């Protein structure tokens, strides 16, 4: 299956899953009066809005470059990932506010935990399946928005599991005050995930350099051609744009190296880097080692 089609399919699956879980949790939360379940319903609703955002960003980012966007539409995914992170953070803040209010004012509940336990169990199973698919396709396509959506659902797994344990403890002990405490713990997990996602997406939007590991892998490819070519010091510029890595560099050749040989070496280096990072755009500028230096080569005669 084509990668873009696969991205759209899993993004659509995420939307469907979040709609079903949101409805189930809202109904259960209202019927049981459990704040921890209602907080999970809010979490799933933010998951739903985030998955819708992911779906449309995937469609938009898959479009080819055009007159208005000559470098492509990859940053739509980064923007979607950033907004998803912010949505998660706001959801966490709201849950903490409601749980704190419940603790301060001592609002009690008469929770029907059997229904809550069943719904949380279903939510965990659904989210394990869907998030695994999202991470798998995100890795294949290098999609920040699918990764953010998968991370979103993974936090839902942890928080749903926490709520499930809490509901079981409430059922056993009868201590309903555990409910808002569990809700706060869930919110902390949600907040951390939102911060991580928005930070990563913001780095891409602000053209933050690729990680040192990526840069070192590129340098190692060039080092394998030592004797024929050298990398100009500090000339590598590399960034993440949506699912694509943009890499620019300057390679230096001896002044008497034929231009056709320079071109062949540059092509070989490009292919090797693309074997490591399949979805990348590479721009190589070649120049003689003696460029702008005092030497006897004609390339510097008029400088």
C-alpha atoms as a PDB file:
ATOM      1  CA  UNK A   1       0.000   0.000   0.000  1.00  0.00           C
ATOM      2  CA  UNK A   2       1.241   3.542  -0.818  1.00  0.00           C
ATOM      3  CA  UNK A   3       2.650   5.284   2.265  1.00  0.00           C
ATOM      4  CA  UNK A   4       0.385   8.344   1.997  1.00  0.00           C
ATOM      5  CA  UNK A   5      -2.648   6.065   1.708  1.00  0.00           C
ATOM      6  CA  UNK A   6      -1.491   4.106   4.745  1.00  0.00           C
ATOM      7  CA  UNK A   7      -1.108   7.355   6.710  1.00  0.00           C
ATOM      8  CA  UNK A   8      -4.662   8.411   5.841  1.00  0.00           C
ATOM      9  CA  UNK A   9      -6.016   4.965   6.792  1.00  0.00           C
ATOM     10  CA  UNK A  10      -4.514   4.877  10.298  1.00  0.00           C
ATOM     11  CA  UNK A  11      -5.425   8.545  10.893  1.00  0.00           C
ATOM     12  CA  UNK A  12      -9.048   7.696   9.973  1.00  0.00           C
ATOM     13  CA  UNK A  13      -8.961   4.648  12.260  1.00  0.00           C
ATOM     14  CA  UNK A  14      -7.774   6.880  15.117  1.00  0.00           C
ATOM     15  CA  UNK A  15     -10.749   9.229  14.581  1.00  0.00           C
ATOM     16  CA  UNK A  16     -13.244   6.333  14.670  1.00  0.00           C
ATOM     17  CA  UNK A  17     -11.699   4.819  17.789  1.00  0.00           C
ATOM     18  CA  UNK A  18     -11.683   8.150  19.650  1.00  0.00           C
ATOM     19  CA  UNK A  19     -15.335   8.871  18.783  1.00  0.00           C
ATOM     20  CA  UNK A  20     -16.444   5.489  20.167  1.00  0.00           C
ATOM     21  CA  UNK A  21     -14.357   5.792  23.349  1.00  0.00           C
ATOM     22  CA  UNK A  22     -15.364   9.413  24.003  1.00  0.00           C
ATOM     23  CA  UNK A  23     -19.064   8.550  23.841  1.00  0.00           C
ATOM     24  CA  UNK A  24     -18.628   5.490  26.085  1.00  0.00           C
ATOM     25  CA  UNK A  25     -16.620   7.400  28.698  1.00  0.00           C
ATOM     26  CA  UNK A  26     -18.954  10.414  28.753  1.00  0.00           C
ATOM     27  CA  UNK A  27     -22.024   8.218  29.292  1.00  0.00           C
ATOM     28  CA  UNK A  28     -20.247   6.142  31.943  1.00  0.00           C
ATOM     29  CA  UNK A  29     -18.815   9.203  33.695  1.00  0.00           C
ATOM     30  CA  UNK A  30     -22.230  10.897  33.917  1.00  0.00           C
ATOM     31  CA  UNK A  31     -24.007   7.741  35.095  1.00  0.00           C
ATOM     32  CA  UNK A  32     -21.347   6.874  37.681  1.00  0.00           C
ATOM     33  CA  UNK A  33     -20.495  10.419  38.794  1.00  0.00           C
ATOM     34  CA  UNK A  34     -16.788   9.500  38.692  1.00  0.00           C
ATOM     35  CA  UNK A  35     -14.475  12.465  38.056  1.00  0.00           C
ATOM     36  CA  UNK A  36     -11.643  10.159  37.022  1.00  0.00           C
ATOM     37  CA  UNK A  37     -13.846   8.656  34.277  1.00  0.00           C
ATOM     38  CA  UNK A  38     -15.062  12.126  33.215  1.00  0.00           C
ATOM     39  CA  UNK A  39     -11.415  13.274  33.059  1.00  0.00           C
ATOM     40  CA  UNK A  40     -10.737  10.301  30.817  1.00  0.00           C
ATOM     41  CA  UNK A  41     -13.721  11.318  28.657  1.00  0.00           C
ATOM     42  CA  UNK A  42     -12.201  14.813  28.313  1.00  0.00           C
ATOM     43  CA  UNK A  43      -8.877  13.193  27.434  1.00  0.00           C
ATOM     44  CA  UNK A  44     -10.536  11.079  24.736  1.00  0.00           C
ATOM     45  CA  UNK A  45     -12.334  14.140  23.349  1.00  0.00           C
ATOM     46  CA  UNK A  46      -8.993  15.931  23.042  1.00  0.00           C
ATOM     47  CA  UNK A  47      -7.713  12.744  21.359  1.00  0.00           C
ATOM     48  CA  UNK A  48     -10.617  12.994  18.916  1.00  0.00           C
ATOM     49  CA  UNK A  49      -9.939  16.633  17.987  1.00  0.00           C
ATOM     50  CA  UNK A  50      -6.237  15.840  17.700  1.00  0.00           C
ATOM     51  CA  UNK A  51      -6.878  12.842  15.426  1.00  0.00           C
ATOM     52  CA  UNK A  52      -9.113  14.971  13.168  1.00  0.00           C
ATOM     53  CA  UNK A  53      -6.306  17.533  12.993  1.00  0.00           C
ATOM     54  CA  UNK A  54      -3.833  14.755  12.194  1.00  0.00           C
ATOM     55  CA  UNK A  55      -6.052  13.407   9.416  1.00  0.00           C
ATOM     56  CA  UNK A  56      -6.294  16.754   7.626  1.00  0.00           C
ATOM     57  CA  UNK A  57      -2.598  17.557   8.155  1.00  0.00           C
ATOM     58  CA  UNK A  58      -1.658  14.193   6.605  1.00  0.00           C
ATOM     59  CA  UNK A  59      -3.833  14.955   3.567  1.00  0.00           C
ATOM     60  CA  UNK A  60      -2.360  18.473   3.234  1.00  0.00           C
ATOM     61  CA  UNK A  61       1.277  17.465   3.778  1.00  0.00           C
ATOM     62  CA  UNK A  62       1.036  14.711   1.136  1.00  0.00           C
ATOM     63  CA  UNK A  63       0.416  17.306  -1.580  1.00  0.00           C
ATOM     64  CA  UNK A  64       3.400  17.993  -3.861  1.00  0.00           C
ATOM     65  CA  UNK A  65       5.240  21.321  -3.903  1.00  0.00           C
ATOM     66  CA  UNK A  66       3.466  24.108  -5.764  1.00  0.00           C
ATOM     67  CA  UNK A  67       3.894  27.788  -6.642  1.00  0.00           C
ATOM     68  CA  UNK A  68       2.849  28.979  -3.181  1.00  0.00           C
ATOM     69  CA  UNK A  69       4.741  26.229  -1.332  1.00  0.00           C
ATOM     70  CA  UNK A  70       7.903  25.521  -3.391  1.00  0.00           C
ATOM     71  CA  UNK A  71       9.409  23.496  -0.509  1.00  0.00           C
ATOM     72  CA  UNK A  72       6.312  21.331  -0.094  1.00  0.00           C
ATOM     73  CA  UNK A  73       3.640  21.167   2.609  1.00  0.00           C
ATOM     74  CA  UNK A  74       5.502  19.143   5.264  1.00  0.00           C
ATOM     75  CA  UNK A  75       5.200  21.799   7.972  1.00  0.00           C
ATOM     76  CA  UNK A  76       1.443  21.262   8.131  1.00  0.00           C
ATOM     77  CA  UNK A  77       2.250  18.096  10.076  1.00  0.00           C
ATOM     78  CA  UNK A  78       4.558  19.962  12.447  1.00  0.00           C
ATOM     79  CA  UNK A  79       1.877  22.580  13.055  1.00  0.00           C
ATOM     80  CA  UNK A  80      -0.703  19.834  13.703  1.00  0.00           C
ATOM     81  CA  UNK A  81       1.655  18.157  16.180  1.00  0.00           C
ATOM     82  CA  UNK A  82       2.186  21.460  18.021  1.00  0.00           C
ATOM     83  CA  UNK A  83      -1.566  22.148  18.289  1.00  0.00           C
ATOM     84  CA  UNK A  84      -2.150  18.573  19.496  1.00  0.00           C
ATOM     85  CA  UNK A  85       0.395  19.092  22.267  1.00  0.00           C
ATOM     86  CA  UNK A  86      -1.312  22.323  23.366  1.00  0.00           C
ATOM     87  CA  UNK A  87      -4.730  20.604  23.368  1.00  0.00           C
ATOM     88  CA  UNK A  88      -3.350  17.865  25.632  1.00  0.00           C
ATOM     89  CA  UNK A  89      -1.878  20.460  28.037  1.00  0.00           C
ATOM     90  CA  UNK A  90      -5.197  22.355  28.320  1.00  0.00           C
ATOM     91  CA  UNK A  91      -7.067  19.096  28.934  1.00  0.00           C
ATOM     92  CA  UNK A  92      -4.644  18.250  31.761  1.00  0.00           C
ATOM     93  CA  UNK A  93      -5.028  21.716  33.362  1.00  0.00           C
ATOM     94  CA  UNK A  94      -8.823  21.429  33.286  1.00  0.00           C
ATOM     95  CA  UNK A  95      -8.749  17.978  34.913  1.00  0.00           C
ATOM     96  CA  UNK A  96      -6.418  19.226  37.689  1.00  0.00           C
ATOM     97  CA  UNK A  97      -8.717  22.219  38.306  1.00  0.00           C
ATOM     98  CA  UNK A  98     -11.839  20.048  38.620  1.00  0.00           C
ATOM     99  CA  UNK A  99     -10.121  17.433  40.789  1.00  0.00           C
ATOM    100  CA  UNK A 100      -8.672  20.086  43.128  1.00  0.00           C
ATOM    101  CA  UNK A 101     -12.109  21.715  43.449  1.00  0.00           C
ATOM    102  CA  UNK A 102     -13.575  18.340  44.341  1.00  0.00           C
ATOM    103  CA  UNK A 103     -10.935  17.723  47.037  1.00  0.00           C
ATOM    104  CA  UNK A 104     -11.292  21.230  48.567  1.00  0.00           C
ATOM    105  CA  UNK A 105     -15.081  21.241  48.679  1.00  0.00           C
ATOM    106  CA  UNK A 106     -15.372  17.559  49.522  1.00  0.00           C
ATOM    107  CA  UNK A 107     -17.785  16.667  46.727  1.00  0.00           C
ATOM    108  CA  UNK A 108     -18.711  13.004  47.140  1.00  0.00           C
ATOM    109  CA  UNK A 109     -19.881  10.538  44.523  1.00  0.00           C
ATOM    110  CA  UNK A 110     -21.882   7.384  44.482  1.00  0.00           C
ATOM    111  CA  UNK A 111     -19.914   5.597  41.812  1.00  0.00           C
ATOM    112  CA  UNK A 112     -21.185   2.612  39.887  1.00  0.00           C
ATOM    113  CA  UNK A 113     -17.760   1.104  39.370  1.00  0.00           C
ATOM    114  CA  UNK A 114     -18.614  -2.077  37.470  1.00  0.00           C
ATOM    115  CA  UNK A 115     -19.589  -0.086  34.370  1.00  0.00           C
ATOM    116  CA  UNK A 116     -16.493   2.112  34.711  1.00  0.00           C
ATOM    117  CA  UNK A 117     -14.193  -0.891  35.075  1.00  0.00           C
ATOM    118  CA  UNK A 118     -15.655  -2.436  31.907  1.00  0.00           C
ATOM    119  CA  UNK A 119     -15.350   0.762  29.843  1.00  0.00           C
ATOM    120  CA  UNK A 120     -11.760   1.440  30.990  1.00  0.00           C
ATOM    121  CA  UNK A 121     -10.786  -2.116  30.042  1.00  0.00           C
ATOM    122  CA  UNK A 122     -12.297  -1.660  26.558  1.00  0.00           C
ATOM    123  CA  UNK A 123     -10.503   1.703  26.194  1.00  0.00           C
ATOM    124  CA  UNK A 124      -7.129   0.166  27.037  1.00  0.00           C
ATOM    125  CA  UNK A 125      -7.533  -2.609  24.453  1.00  0.00           C
ATOM    126  CA  UNK A 126      -8.704  -0.197  21.718  1.00  0.00           C
ATOM    127  CA  UNK A 127      -5.882   2.261  22.356  1.00  0.00           C
ATOM    128  CA  UNK A 128      -3.152  -0.393  22.459  1.00  0.00           C
ATOM    129  CA  UNK A 129      -4.199  -1.611  19.001  1.00  0.00           C
ATOM    130  CA  UNK A 130      -4.644   1.830  17.396  1.00  0.00           C
ATOM    131  CA  UNK A 131      -1.539   3.454  18.948  1.00  0.00           C
ATOM    132  CA  UNK A 132       0.626   0.496  17.842  1.00  0.00           C
ATOM    133  CA  UNK A 133      -0.564   1.015  14.257  1.00  0.00           C
ATOM    134  CA  UNK A 134       0.032   4.788  14.478  1.00  0.00           C
ATOM    135  CA  UNK A 135       3.601   4.333  15.759  1.00  0.00           C
ATOM    136  CA  UNK A 136       4.338   1.709  13.105  1.00  0.00           C
ATOM    137  CA  UNK A 137       3.197   3.946  10.221  1.00  0.00           C
ATOM    138  CA  UNK A 138       4.756   7.055  11.819  1.00  0.00           C
ATOM    139  CA  UNK A 139       8.120   5.260  11.858  1.00  0.00           C
ATOM    140  CA  UNK A 140       7.724   4.120   8.242  1.00  0.00           C
ATOM    141  CA  UNK A 141       6.759   7.615   7.008  1.00  0.00           C
ATOM    142  CA  UNK A 142       8.661   9.786   9.527  1.00  0.00           C
ATOM    143  CA  UNK A 143       5.372  11.578  10.322  1.00  0.00           C
ATOM    144  CA  UNK A 144       5.447  13.894  13.364  1.00  0.00           C
ATOM    145  CA  UNK A 145       1.648  14.263  13.386  1.00  0.00           C
ATOM    146  CA  UNK A 146       1.034  10.482  13.389  1.00  0.00           C
ATOM    147  CA  UNK A 147       3.691  10.114  16.082  1.00  0.00           C
ATOM    148  CA  UNK A 148       1.966  12.835  18.138  1.00  0.00           C
ATOM    149  CA  UNK A 149      -1.384  11.095  17.684  1.00  0.00           C
ATOM    150  CA  UNK A 150       0.138   7.766  18.744  1.00  0.00           C
ATOM    151  CA  UNK A 151       1.757   9.417  21.775  1.00  0.00           C
ATOM    152  CA  UNK A 152      -1.610  10.966  22.562  1.00  0.00           C
ATOM    153  CA  UNK A 153      -3.243   7.539  22.613  1.00  0.00           C
ATOM    154  CA  UNK A 154      -0.373   5.995  24.550  1.00  0.00           C
ATOM    155  CA  UNK A 155      -0.956   8.483  27.385  1.00  0.00           C
ATOM    156  CA  UNK A 156      -4.608   7.445  27.212  1.00  0.00           C
ATOM    157  CA  UNK A 157      -3.519   3.828  27.820  1.00  0.00           C
ATOM    158  CA  UNK A 158      -1.529   4.801  30.929  1.00  0.00           C
ATOM    159  CA  UNK A 159      -4.244   7.094  32.270  1.00  0.00           C
ATOM    160  CA  UNK A 160      -7.035   4.575  31.566  1.00  0.00           C
ATOM    161  CA  UNK A 161      -5.007   1.911  33.356  1.00  0.00           C
ATOM    162  CA  UNK A 162      -4.563   4.257  36.334  1.00  0.00           C
ATOM    163  CA  UNK A 163      -8.279   4.966  36.428  1.00  0.00           C
ATOM    164  CA  UNK A 164      -9.038   1.244  36.130  1.00  0.00           C
ATOM    165  CA  UNK A 165      -6.824   0.414  39.140  1.00  0.00           C
ATOM    166  CA  UNK A 166      -8.409   3.282  41.066  1.00  0.00           C
ATOM    167  CA  UNK A 167     -11.944   2.110  40.337  1.00  0.00           C
ATOM    168  CA  UNK A 168     -11.040  -1.387  41.487  1.00  0.00           C
ATOM    169  CA  UNK A 169      -9.564   0.021  44.729  1.00  0.00           C
ATOM    170  CA  UNK A 170     -12.670   2.170  45.304  1.00  0.00           C
ATOM    171  CA  UNK A 171     -14.851  -0.900  44.755  1.00  0.00           C
ATOM    172  CA  UNK A 172     -12.810  -2.894  47.282  1.00  0.00           C
ATOM    173  CA  UNK A 173     -12.275  -0.191  49.953  1.00  0.00           C
ATOM    174  CA  UNK A 174     -15.268   2.114  49.443  1.00  0.00           C
ATOM    175  CA  UNK A 175     -12.981   5.211  49.669  1.00  0.00           C
ATOM    176  CA  UNK A 176     -14.440   7.484  46.970  1.00  0.00           C
ATOM    177  CA  UNK A 177     -11.934  10.270  47.816  1.00  0.00           C
ATOM    178  CA  UNK A 178      -9.434   8.268  45.778  1.00  0.00           C
ATOM    179  CA  UNK A 179     -11.313   9.342  42.627  1.00  0.00           C
ATOM    180  CA  UNK A 180     -10.068  12.998  42.373  1.00  0.00           C
ATOM    181  CA  UNK A 181      -6.562  11.959  43.478  1.00  0.00           C
ATOM    182  CA  UNK A 182      -6.422   9.451  40.602  1.00  0.00           C
ATOM    183  CA  UNK A 183      -7.739  12.159  38.246  1.00  0.00           C
ATOM    184  CA  UNK A 184      -4.822  14.458  39.215  1.00  0.00           C
ATOM    185  CA  UNK A 185      -2.275  11.670  38.650  1.00  0.00           C
ATOM    186  CA  UNK A 186      -3.850  11.054  35.233  1.00  0.00           C
ATOM    187  CA  UNK A 187      -3.610  14.778  34.440  1.00  0.00           C
ATOM    188  CA  UNK A 188       0.100  14.885  35.294  1.00  0.00           C
ATOM    189  CA  UNK A 189       0.760  12.067  32.801  1.00  0.00           C
ATOM    190  CA  UNK A 190      -1.335  13.866  30.188  1.00  0.00           C
ATOM    191  CA  UNK A 191       0.452  17.199  30.787  1.00  0.00           C
ATOM    192  CA  UNK A 192       3.910  15.627  30.405  1.00  0.00           C
ATOM    193  CA  UNK A 193       2.930  14.006  27.092  1.00  0.00           C
ATOM    194  CA  UNK A 194       1.491  17.284  25.783  1.00  0.00           C
ATOM    195  CA  UNK A 195       4.631  19.209  26.708  1.00  0.00           C
ATOM    196  CA  UNK A 196       6.899  16.650  25.010  1.00  0.00           C
ATOM    197  CA  UNK A 197       4.838  16.649  21.794  1.00  0.00           C
ATOM    198  CA  UNK A 198       4.537  20.446  21.523  1.00  0.00           C
ATOM    199  CA  UNK A 199       8.257  20.907  22.267  1.00  0.00           C
ATOM    200  CA  UNK A 200       9.283  18.475  19.509  1.00  0.00           C
ATOM    201  CA  UNK A 201       6.879  20.015  16.975  1.00  0.00           C
ATOM    202  CA  UNK A 202       7.974  23.564  17.881  1.00  0.00           C
ATOM    203  CA  UNK A 203      11.612  22.561  17.303  1.00  0.00           C
ATOM    204  CA  UNK A 204      10.715  21.440  13.777  1.00  0.00           C
ATOM    205  CA  UNK A 205       8.692  24.607  13.101  1.00  0.00           C
ATOM    206  CA  UNK A 206      11.648  26.739  14.216  1.00  0.00           C
ATOM    207  CA  UNK A 207      14.047  24.730  11.998  1.00  0.00           C
ATOM    208  CA  UNK A 208      15.998  23.234  14.880  1.00  0.00           C
ATOM    209  CA  UNK A 209      18.946  21.171  13.696  1.00  0.00           C
ATOM    210  CA  UNK A 210      18.627  17.396  13.428  1.00  0.00           C
ATOM    211  CA  UNK A 211      19.965  15.401  16.415  1.00  0.00           C
ATOM    212  CA  UNK A 212      23.754  14.928  16.658  1.00  0.00           C
ATOM    213  CA  UNK A 213      23.310  11.226  15.893  1.00  0.00           C
ATOM    214  CA  UNK A 214      21.790  12.075  12.487  1.00  0.00           C
ATOM    215  CA  UNK A 215      24.537  14.612  11.701  1.00  0.00           C
ATOM    216  CA  UNK A 216      27.267  12.121  12.675  1.00  0.00           C
ATOM    217  CA  UNK A 217      25.744   9.446  10.408  1.00  0.00           C
ATOM    218  CA  UNK A 218      25.894  11.902   7.489  1.00  0.00           C
ATOM    219  CA  UNK A 219      29.503  12.806   8.311  1.00  0.00           C
ATOM    220  CA  UNK A 220      30.465   9.118   8.445  1.00  0.00           C
ATOM    221  CA  UNK A 221      29.151   8.624   4.900  1.00  0.00           C
ATOM    222  CA  UNK A 222      31.354  11.506   3.669  1.00  0.00           C
ATOM    223  CA  UNK A 223      34.383  10.184   5.606  1.00  0.00           C
ATOM    224  CA  UNK A 224      34.150   6.931   3.639  1.00  0.00           C
ATOM    225  CA  UNK A 225      35.182   8.979   0.556  1.00  0.00           C
ATOM    226  CA  UNK A 226      38.233  10.500   2.263  1.00  0.00           C
ATOM    227  CA  UNK A 227      41.009  11.209  -0.194  1.00  0.00           C
ATOM    228  CA  UNK A 228      38.545  12.299  -2.863  1.00  0.00           C
ATOM    229  CA  UNK A 229      36.415  14.773  -0.946  1.00  0.00           C
ATOM    230  CA  UNK A 230      36.263  16.646   2.371  1.00  0.00           C
ATOM    231  CA  UNK A 231      33.340  18.252   4.154  1.00  0.00           C
ATOM    232  CA  UNK A 232      33.767  21.996   4.553  1.00  0.00           C
ATOM    233  CA  UNK A 233      33.898  22.792   8.266  1.00  0.00           C
ATOM    234  CA  UNK A 234      30.528  23.827   9.706  1.00  0.00           C
ATOM    235  CA  UNK A 235      28.782  23.556   6.346  1.00  0.00           C
ATOM    236  CA  UNK A 236      26.136  20.943   7.206  1.00  0.00           C
ATOM    237  CA  UNK A 237      22.649  22.364   7.703  1.00  0.00           C
ATOM    238  CA  UNK A 238      19.951  19.798   8.461  1.00  0.00           C
ATOM    239  CA  UNK A 239      16.371  20.152   9.680  1.00  0.00           C
ATOM    240  CA  UNK A 240      13.137  18.190   9.946  1.00  0.00           C
ATOM    241  CA  UNK A 241      10.192  19.439   7.856  1.00  0.00           C
ATOM    242  CA  UNK A 242       7.130  17.296   8.523  1.00  0.00           C
ATOM    243  CA  UNK A 243       8.046  13.792   7.345  1.00  0.00           C
ATOM    244  CA  UNK A 244      11.093  15.001   5.375  1.00  0.00           C
ATOM    245  CA  UNK A 245      14.675  15.743   6.384  1.00  0.00           C
ATOM    246  CA  UNK A 246      16.260  18.709   4.549  1.00  0.00           C
ATOM    247  CA  UNK A 247      20.054  18.407   4.342  1.00  0.00           C
ATOM    248  CA  UNK A 248      22.446  20.995   2.853  1.00  0.00           C
ATOM    249  CA  UNK A 249      26.240  20.762   2.762  1.00  0.00           C
ATOM    250  CA  UNK A 250      29.385  21.965   1.021  1.00  0.00           C
ATOM    251  CA  UNK A 251      31.899  19.373  -0.226  1.00  0.00           C
ATOM    252  CA  UNK A 252      35.444  20.315  -1.219  1.00  0.00           C
ATOM    253  CA  UNK A 253      37.436  18.640  -4.013  1.00  0.00           C
ATOM    254  CA  UNK A 254      40.990  19.053  -5.265  1.00  0.00           C
ATOM    255  CA  UNK A 255      41.134  21.816  -7.893  1.00  0.00           C
ATOM    256  CA  UNK A 256      42.073  19.439 -10.708  1.00  0.00           C
ATOM    257  CA  UNK A 257      39.207  16.964 -10.067  1.00  0.00           C
ATOM    258  CA  UNK A 258      37.045  16.687 -13.242  1.00  0.00           C
ATOM    259  CA  UNK A 259      33.544  18.087 -12.750  1.00  0.00           C
ATOM    260  CA  UNK A 260      31.979  14.802 -13.911  1.00  0.00           C
ATOM    261  CA  UNK A 261      33.848  12.941 -11.152  1.00  0.00           C
ATOM    262  CA  UNK A 262      32.705  15.520  -8.559  1.00  0.00           C
ATOM    263  CA  UNK A 263      29.147  15.023  -9.745  1.00  0.00           C
ATOM    264  CA  UNK A 264      29.409  11.221  -9.521  1.00  0.00           C
ATOM    265  CA  UNK A 265      30.802  11.330  -5.978  1.00  0.00           C
ATOM    266  CA  UNK A 266      28.035  13.734  -4.890  1.00  0.00           C
ATOM    267  CA  UNK A 267      25.429  11.377  -6.386  1.00  0.00           C
ATOM    268  CA  UNK A 268      26.956   8.394  -4.577  1.00  0.00           C
ATOM    269  CA  UNK A 269      26.977  10.278  -1.255  1.00  0.00           C
ATOM    270  CA  UNK A 270      23.333  11.308  -1.762  1.00  0.00           C
ATOM    271  CA  UNK A 271      22.302   7.689  -2.398  1.00  0.00           C
ATOM    272  CA  UNK A 272      24.123   6.430   0.707  1.00  0.00           C
ATOM    273  CA  UNK A 273      22.502   9.084   2.918  1.00  0.00           C
ATOM    274  CA  UNK A 274      19.081   8.267   1.430  1.00  0.00           C
ATOM    275  CA  UNK A 275      19.664   4.593   2.256  1.00  0.00           C
ATOM    276  CA  UNK A 276      19.935   5.658   5.920  1.00  0.00           C
ATOM    277  CA  UNK A 277      17.178   8.317   5.760  1.00  0.00           C
ATOM    278  CA  UNK A 278      14.860   7.349   2.879  1.00  0.00           C
ATOM    279  CA  UNK A 279      12.615  10.422   3.110  1.00  0.00           C
ATOM    280  CA  UNK A 280      15.121  13.234   2.775  1.00  0.00           C
ATOM    281  CA  UNK A 281      15.975  16.095   0.436  1.00  0.00           C
ATOM    282  CA  UNK A 282      19.715  16.681  -0.098  1.00  0.00           C
ATOM    283  CA  UNK A 283      21.438  19.710  -1.604  1.00  0.00           C
ATOM    284  CA  UNK A 284      25.225  19.549  -2.144  1.00  0.00           C
ATOM    285  CA  UNK A 285      27.382  22.477  -3.223  1.00  0.00           C
ATOM    286  CA  UNK A 286      30.854  21.483  -4.454  1.00  0.00           C
ATOM    287  CA  UNK A 287      33.903  23.742  -4.543  1.00  0.00           C
ATOM    288  CA  UNK A 288      37.687  23.351  -4.863  1.00  0.00           C
ATOM    289  CA  UNK A 289      39.740  23.012  -1.686  1.00  0.00           C
ATOM    290  CA  UNK A 290      41.777  26.056  -2.758  1.00  0.00           C
ATOM    291  CA  UNK A 291      38.711  28.261  -3.168  1.00  0.00           C
ATOM    292  CA  UNK A 292      39.520  31.856  -2.091  1.00  0.00           C
ATOM    293  CA  UNK A 293      43.018  30.829  -0.949  1.00  0.00           C
ATOM    294  CA  UNK A 294      46.413  31.769  -2.354  1.00  0.00           C
ATOM    295  CA  UNK A 295      47.363  29.041  -4.793  1.00  0.00           C
ATOM    296  CA  UNK A 296      48.518  28.499  -8.366  1.00  0.00           C
ATOM    297  CA  UNK A 297      45.176  27.150  -9.642  1.00  0.00           C
ATOM    298  CA  UNK A 298      43.268  29.174 -12.237  1.00  0.00           C
ATOM    299  CA  UNK A 299      40.085  29.026 -10.132  1.00  0.00           C
ATOM    300  CA  UNK A 300      41.548  31.678  -7.822  1.00  0.00           C
ATOM    301  CA  UNK A 301      43.412  33.759 -10.377  1.00  0.00           C
ATOM    302  CA  UNK A 302      40.941  36.652 -10.478  1.00  0.00           C
ATOM    303  CA  UNK A 303      40.048  36.708  -6.774  1.00  0.00           C
END
